Protein backbone atom coordinates (compact mmCIF):
# COMPACT_ATOMS: atom_id res chain seq x y z
CA THR A 1 135.94 156.64 128.91
CA TRP A 2 132.18 157.29 128.87
CA ILE A 3 131.42 153.88 127.34
CA ARG A 4 133.86 151.91 129.51
CA PRO A 5 132.40 151.58 133.02
CA ARG A 6 135.69 150.82 134.77
CA ARG A 7 137.46 153.79 133.25
CA PHE A 8 134.54 156.08 133.98
CA LEU A 9 134.32 154.90 137.59
CA LEU A 10 138.06 155.39 138.01
CA LEU A 11 137.89 158.95 136.69
CA ALA A 12 134.87 159.75 138.86
CA THR A 13 136.54 158.28 141.94
CA ILE A 14 139.72 160.27 141.39
CA TRP A 15 137.90 163.60 141.19
CA LEU A 16 135.40 162.86 143.95
CA LEU A 17 138.35 162.14 146.23
CA THR A 18 140.02 165.33 145.02
CA MET A 19 136.91 167.35 145.80
CA ALA A 20 136.33 165.66 149.16
CA GLY A 21 139.96 166.15 150.19
CA THR A 22 139.92 169.79 149.20
CA GLY A 23 136.66 170.33 151.06
CA ALA A 24 138.15 168.76 154.17
CA VAL A 25 141.18 171.07 153.94
CA TRP A 26 138.95 174.12 153.58
CA ARG A 27 136.71 173.02 156.46
CA LEU A 28 139.74 172.59 158.70
CA LEU A 29 141.52 175.80 157.73
CA GLY A 30 138.28 177.79 157.51
CA THR A 31 138.23 177.91 161.29
CA LEU A 32 141.44 179.96 161.15
CA TYR A 33 140.75 182.40 158.31
CA ASN A 34 138.30 183.04 155.50
CA VAL A 35 140.21 181.82 152.47
CA SER A 36 142.52 178.90 151.80
CA MET A 37 145.04 178.21 149.04
CA GLY A 38 145.24 174.56 150.02
CA SER A 39 143.78 171.92 147.70
CA LEU A 40 144.33 168.39 146.45
CA ILE A 41 144.19 169.45 142.80
CA SER A 42 147.56 167.83 142.14
CA PHE A 43 146.11 164.46 143.26
CA GLY A 44 143.40 164.50 140.61
CA ALA A 45 145.56 166.08 137.91
CA VAL A 46 148.43 163.62 138.27
CA LEU A 47 146.28 160.48 138.34
CA THR A 48 144.23 161.67 135.36
CA ALA A 49 147.41 162.34 133.36
CA ILE A 50 148.80 158.89 134.22
CA PHE A 51 145.67 156.79 133.68
CA PHE A 52 144.12 158.79 130.83
CA HIS A 53 145.99 161.62 129.08
CA ARG A 54 147.57 164.95 129.89
CA ARG A 55 144.99 166.83 127.83
CA ASP A 56 142.24 165.27 129.95
CA ALA A 57 144.06 166.35 133.10
CA TYR A 58 144.41 169.94 131.83
CA ALA A 59 140.72 170.14 130.89
CA ILE A 60 139.34 168.75 134.15
CA THR A 61 141.83 170.80 136.17
CA ALA A 62 140.48 173.93 134.48
CA VAL A 63 136.89 172.99 135.36
CA PHE A 64 137.87 172.16 138.94
CA ALA A 65 139.73 175.46 139.29
CA LEU A 66 136.63 177.35 138.13
CA VAL A 67 134.49 175.52 140.69
CA MET A 68 137.00 176.31 143.43
CA ALA A 69 137.21 179.94 142.37
CA ALA A 70 133.44 180.34 142.39
CA SER A 71 133.27 179.22 146.01
CA GLN A 72 135.96 181.56 147.33
CA ILE A 73 135.88 185.27 148.07
CA HIS A 74 138.99 185.89 145.93
CA PRO A 75 138.21 183.94 142.75
CA TYR A 76 141.07 185.14 140.53
CA MET A 77 143.72 184.23 143.06
CA VAL A 78 142.33 180.82 144.00
CA GLY A 79 141.40 179.85 140.44
CA MET A 80 144.75 180.76 138.92
CA VAL A 81 146.86 179.17 141.64
CA THR A 82 144.81 175.98 141.43
CA PHE A 83 144.90 175.75 137.64
CA VAL A 84 148.61 176.51 137.30
CA SER A 85 149.69 174.16 140.07
CA GLY A 86 147.49 171.29 138.87
CA SER A 87 148.45 171.67 135.21
CA VAL A 88 152.17 171.75 135.96
CA ALA A 89 151.82 168.68 138.21
CA ALA A 90 150.03 166.79 135.42
CA GLY A 91 152.61 167.78 132.82
CA ALA A 92 155.53 166.78 135.03
CA ALA A 93 154.28 163.45 136.43
CA TRP A 94 152.40 161.80 133.54
CA ASN A 95 155.33 159.55 132.53
CA ILE A 96 155.80 157.28 135.53
CA ARG A 97 158.51 155.24 133.84
CA SER A 98 160.93 157.69 135.41
CA ARG A 99 160.86 157.31 139.20
CA SER A 100 162.17 160.88 139.59
CA ASN A 101 159.07 162.37 137.97
CA PHE A 102 157.00 162.42 141.17
CA PRO A 103 159.54 164.43 143.23
CA ARG A 104 160.10 166.72 140.25
CA ALA A 105 156.34 167.22 139.88
CA VAL A 106 156.05 168.19 143.56
CA LEU A 107 158.79 170.79 143.20
CA LEU A 108 157.54 172.27 139.93
CA ALA A 109 153.88 172.38 141.04
CA ALA A 110 154.85 174.15 144.27
CA LEU A 111 157.01 176.70 142.45
CA ALA A 112 154.40 177.28 139.74
CA GLY A 113 151.64 177.79 142.32
CA SER A 114 153.80 180.27 144.23
CA ALA A 115 154.62 182.16 141.03
CA ALA A 116 150.90 182.38 140.16
CA PHE A 117 150.13 183.64 143.68
CA TRP A 118 152.62 186.51 143.44
CA ALA A 119 151.71 187.33 139.84
CA ILE A 120 148.02 187.74 140.73
CA SER A 121 148.96 189.73 143.83
CA LEU A 122 151.18 192.12 141.88
CA ILE A 123 148.59 192.90 139.22
CA GLY A 124 145.94 193.45 141.89
CA LEU A 125 143.41 190.77 140.90
CA GLY A 126 143.45 188.94 144.18
CA PHE A 127 144.45 189.28 147.77
CA SER A 128 144.45 186.72 150.54
CA PRO A 129 143.24 187.96 153.93
CA ALA A 130 145.47 185.35 155.54
CA VAL A 131 149.08 186.20 156.33
CA TRP A 132 151.03 185.83 153.07
CA TRP A 133 153.39 183.19 154.44
CA VAL A 134 150.41 181.03 155.48
CA SER A 135 149.12 181.05 151.90
CA GLN A 136 152.62 180.28 150.64
CA LEU A 137 152.94 177.38 153.04
CA GLU A 138 149.62 175.97 151.82
CA ILE A 139 150.66 176.31 148.20
CA LEU A 140 153.99 174.59 148.86
CA LEU A 141 152.53 171.75 150.94
CA SER A 142 149.50 170.99 148.73
CA PRO A 143 151.53 169.20 145.98
CA VAL A 144 153.42 167.24 148.62
CA VAL A 145 150.16 165.87 150.02
CA GLY A 146 148.34 165.52 146.70
CA ILE A 147 151.11 163.89 144.65
CA GLY A 148 152.20 161.82 147.63
CA ALA A 149 148.69 160.41 147.99
CA ALA A 150 148.54 159.78 144.23
CA SER A 151 151.77 157.75 144.31
CA VAL A 152 150.51 155.68 147.25
CA LEU A 153 147.09 154.90 145.72
CA LEU A 154 148.27 154.43 142.13
CA PHE A 155 148.70 150.66 142.20
CA ALA A 156 145.61 150.13 144.35
CA PHE A 157 143.54 151.91 141.68
CA GLU A 158 145.08 149.67 139.03
CA ARG A 159 144.00 146.51 140.82
CA VAL A 160 140.55 147.73 141.83
CA PHE A 161 139.49 149.20 138.47
CA GLY A 162 141.55 147.01 136.10
CA VAL A 163 143.00 150.05 134.33
CA TYR A 164 146.76 149.71 134.06
CA THR A 165 149.55 152.24 133.79
CA ALA A 166 152.52 152.28 131.45
CA LEU A 167 154.71 151.05 134.31
CA SER A 168 152.62 147.91 134.80
CA ILE A 169 152.56 147.29 131.05
CA ASP A 170 156.36 147.63 130.96
CA GLU A 171 156.65 145.05 133.75
CA ALA A 172 154.40 142.67 131.81
CA THR A 173 156.51 142.99 128.66
CA SER A 174 159.74 142.15 130.47
CA ARG A 175 161.64 139.20 129.03
CA ASN A 176 161.23 137.59 132.47
CA HIS A 177 157.47 137.24 131.99
CA PRO A 178 156.73 133.46 131.96
CA LEU A 179 154.87 133.48 128.64
CA LEU A 180 157.47 135.56 126.85
CA ASP A 181 160.26 133.46 128.31
CA ARG A 182 158.58 130.31 127.01
CA LEU A 183 157.97 131.90 123.61
CA SER A 184 161.65 132.83 123.27
CA ARG A 185 162.77 129.29 124.19
CA GLU A 186 160.11 127.07 122.62
CA ALA A 187 159.13 129.09 119.54
CA MET A 188 162.11 131.18 118.51
CA GLY A 189 160.66 132.00 115.09
CA SER A 190 157.40 133.27 116.58
CA TRP A 191 159.37 135.22 119.19
CA GLN A 192 161.43 137.03 116.54
CA HIS A 193 158.27 137.77 114.56
CA SER A 194 156.52 139.07 117.69
CA GLN A 195 159.40 141.41 118.47
CA ALA A 196 159.24 142.86 114.96
CA VAL A 197 155.46 143.32 115.20
CA ALA A 198 155.86 144.97 118.61
CA ASP A 199 158.39 147.48 117.26
CA LEU A 200 156.20 148.36 114.27
CA ALA A 201 153.05 148.63 116.39
CA SER A 202 154.80 150.89 118.89
CA GLU A 203 156.03 153.24 116.16
CA ALA A 204 152.60 153.30 114.51
CA ALA A 205 150.87 154.07 117.81
CA GLU A 206 153.29 156.89 118.57
CA ALA A 207 152.71 158.38 115.12
CA ILE A 208 148.94 158.64 115.66
CA GLY A 209 149.01 159.65 119.32
CA ALA A 210 147.96 156.26 120.72
CA ASP A 211 149.66 154.37 123.56
CA PRO A 212 153.02 152.98 122.30
CA ALA A 213 153.59 150.82 125.39
CA LEU A 214 150.21 149.12 125.07
CA ALA A 215 150.69 148.56 121.33
CA GLN A 216 154.13 147.07 121.96
CA ALA A 217 152.69 144.72 124.58
CA GLY A 218 150.03 143.60 122.10
CA GLY A 219 152.73 142.87 119.55
CA LEU A 220 154.78 140.79 121.96
CA PHE A 221 151.85 138.70 123.19
CA HIS A 222 149.76 138.36 120.05
CA ASP A 223 151.15 134.94 119.06
CA VAL A 224 151.56 133.25 122.44
CA GLY A 225 148.80 130.82 121.50
CA LYS A 226 151.28 129.18 119.15
CA LEU A 227 152.98 127.72 122.23
CA TYR A 228 150.23 125.09 122.22
CA ASP A 229 152.02 123.45 119.27
CA PRO A 230 154.89 125.61 117.96
CA LYS A 231 155.93 123.19 115.21
CA MET A 232 152.59 123.62 113.44
CA PHE A 233 153.72 127.11 112.35
CA ILE A 234 156.23 127.56 109.59
CA GLU A 235 158.47 130.07 111.36
CA ASN A 236 159.28 127.43 114.01
CA GLN A 237 159.80 124.46 111.67
CA ASP A 238 163.06 122.79 110.77
CA PRO A 239 163.53 123.18 107.00
CA ASP A 240 165.13 119.72 106.85
CA ARG A 241 162.01 118.03 108.21
CA PRO A 242 158.60 117.58 106.56
CA ASN A 243 155.92 120.20 107.23
CA PRO A 244 153.29 118.55 109.48
């Protein structure tokens, strides 16, 4: 990420927006009471997990939670609620192939944040001067806003920064893609070979913790150049005709 400008700019943009959004929430609610449980941590955590990796999301969420805690008068409460809610959101929403993951992430992040709030309250490490139901409402609504914004901006970030998600890669590797459709019709031998390479590459990537979807896409597309003249390659030749 550090050596790839687009990826670095994407990561920086995600967390600057997270920080700016959280600051705006605190500025707005700060006129009502002295502490706020509202944040957009789920926005940054979810997008980091989708575009990068869950471990990256957990690490940056922890740093962000510490920064938030240091700026509040009840650091244990704010830090723990933020970290737990963001981490659960990242863990639940990272695989966007399942459309139900976003709603599930909202529910789990809200419940996890609420559980952290009451756990810290019961052991006496934090107390919110706001009415308890106000803090609960903030905790429940924060994932709705954060994950909702992430789902809306996801594809815009893909286009702007040229960093694609597994969902976009899956769409590109559909049999309906023009190049793959041509390969399957005009170079059947190369198409069968490409499918085998894609399966092997995907399994190898999964075994070493790389991106299986991206490896599979590489396997499917790696021989499309043979469409220029399919019969020049032995897997597409008729055995009853001379080899050109």
